[in-house]
Amino acid sequence: MQLELATVLRYLTALNMLAPHYAFARVIQRDLVDSSVQIHEYIEPIVRVPMHVLSPDEQLWRRTAERIHAS
């Protein structure tokens, strides 16, 4: 199942918001610059798995994306 474009954009926006303050976000941004990387491989697991399974960084990324969605 493929993610909706709006979901991908929301998670990328959240990543951009987190990058100035969190190293994990900057690392992911650097990885996504590589043309061989599939964005959905990073985002889909964050969207699909239960929150308690995610690492603290992944939880932060997901919560930030969800706040953007609620706005």
Protein backbone atom coordinates (compact mmCIF):
# COMPACT_ATOMS: atom_id res chain seq x y z
CA MET A 1 0.00 0.00 0.00
CA GLN A 2 1.42 3.35 -1.02
CA LEU A 3 1.27 6.45 1.13
CA GLU A 4 -0.74 9.46 0.05
CA LEU A 5 1.24 12.43 -1.20
CA ALA A 6 -0.22 14.60 1.57
CA THR A 7 1.14 12.20 4.20
CA VAL A 8 4.61 12.16 2.64
CA LEU A 9 4.65 15.95 2.45
CA ARG A 10 3.51 16.25 6.08
CA TYR A 11 6.32 13.96 7.26
CA LEU A 12 8.91 15.82 5.19
CA THR A 13 7.67 19.12 6.62
CA ALA A 14 7.92 17.69 10.13
CA LEU A 15 11.45 16.53 9.38
CA ASN A 16 12.39 20.03 8.22
CA MET A 17 10.94 21.49 11.41
CA LEU A 18 12.95 19.07 13.57
CA ALA A 19 16.26 19.29 11.70
CA PRO A 20 17.55 22.51 13.30
CA HIS A 21 17.30 20.92 16.76
CA TYR A 22 17.67 17.14 16.31
CA ALA A 23 20.59 15.30 14.74
CA PHE A 24 18.46 12.30 13.73
CA ALA A 25 16.40 14.57 11.46
CA ARG A 26 19.52 15.96 9.79
CA VAL A 27 20.83 12.44 9.20
CA ILE A 28 17.57 11.42 7.55
CA GLN A 29 17.60 14.55 5.41
CA ARG A 30 21.12 13.70 4.23
CA ASP A 31 20.02 10.14 3.42
CA LEU A 32 17.03 11.38 1.42
CA VAL A 33 19.30 13.43 -0.84
CA ASP A 34 20.61 10.18 -2.34
CA SER A 35 18.62 9.50 -5.51
CA SER A 36 18.63 5.74 -4.85
CA VAL A 37 16.75 6.17 -1.56
CA GLN A 38 13.00 5.63 -1.58
CA ILE A 39 11.31 8.18 0.71
CA HIS A 40 8.46 5.83 1.52
CA GLU A 41 10.96 3.36 3.02
CA TYR A 42 11.65 5.92 5.75
CA ILE A 43 8.14 7.23 6.27
CA GLU A 44 5.91 4.18 5.86
CA PRO A 45 7.17 2.31 8.94
CA ILE A 46 6.69 5.43 11.06
CA VAL A 47 3.10 5.76 9.83
CA ARG A 48 2.11 2.10 9.96
CA VAL A 49 3.48 0.62 13.20
CA PRO A 50 2.03 1.23 16.66
CA MET A 51 3.53 4.19 18.50
CA HIS A 52 4.98 2.04 21.32
CA VAL A 53 7.17 0.16 18.82
CA LEU A 54 8.86 3.32 17.55
CA SER A 55 12.09 4.74 18.92
CA PRO A 56 11.85 8.05 20.81
CA ASP A 57 13.13 9.91 17.71
CA GLU A 58 10.57 8.20 15.48
CA GLN A 59 7.82 9.00 17.98
CA LEU A 60 8.84 12.66 17.94
CA TRP A 61 8.79 12.70 14.14
CA ARG A 62 5.35 11.08 14.05
CA ARG A 63 3.89 13.37 16.73
CA THR A 64 5.22 16.41 14.89
CA ALA A 65 3.67 15.23 11.62
CA GLU A 66 0.37 14.55 13.41
CA ARG A 67 0.37 18.06 14.87
CA ILE A 68 0.81 19.46 11.37
CA HIS A 69 -2.14 17.36 10.22
CA ALA A 70 -4.31 18.62 13.08
CA SER A 71 -3.54 22.26 12.26
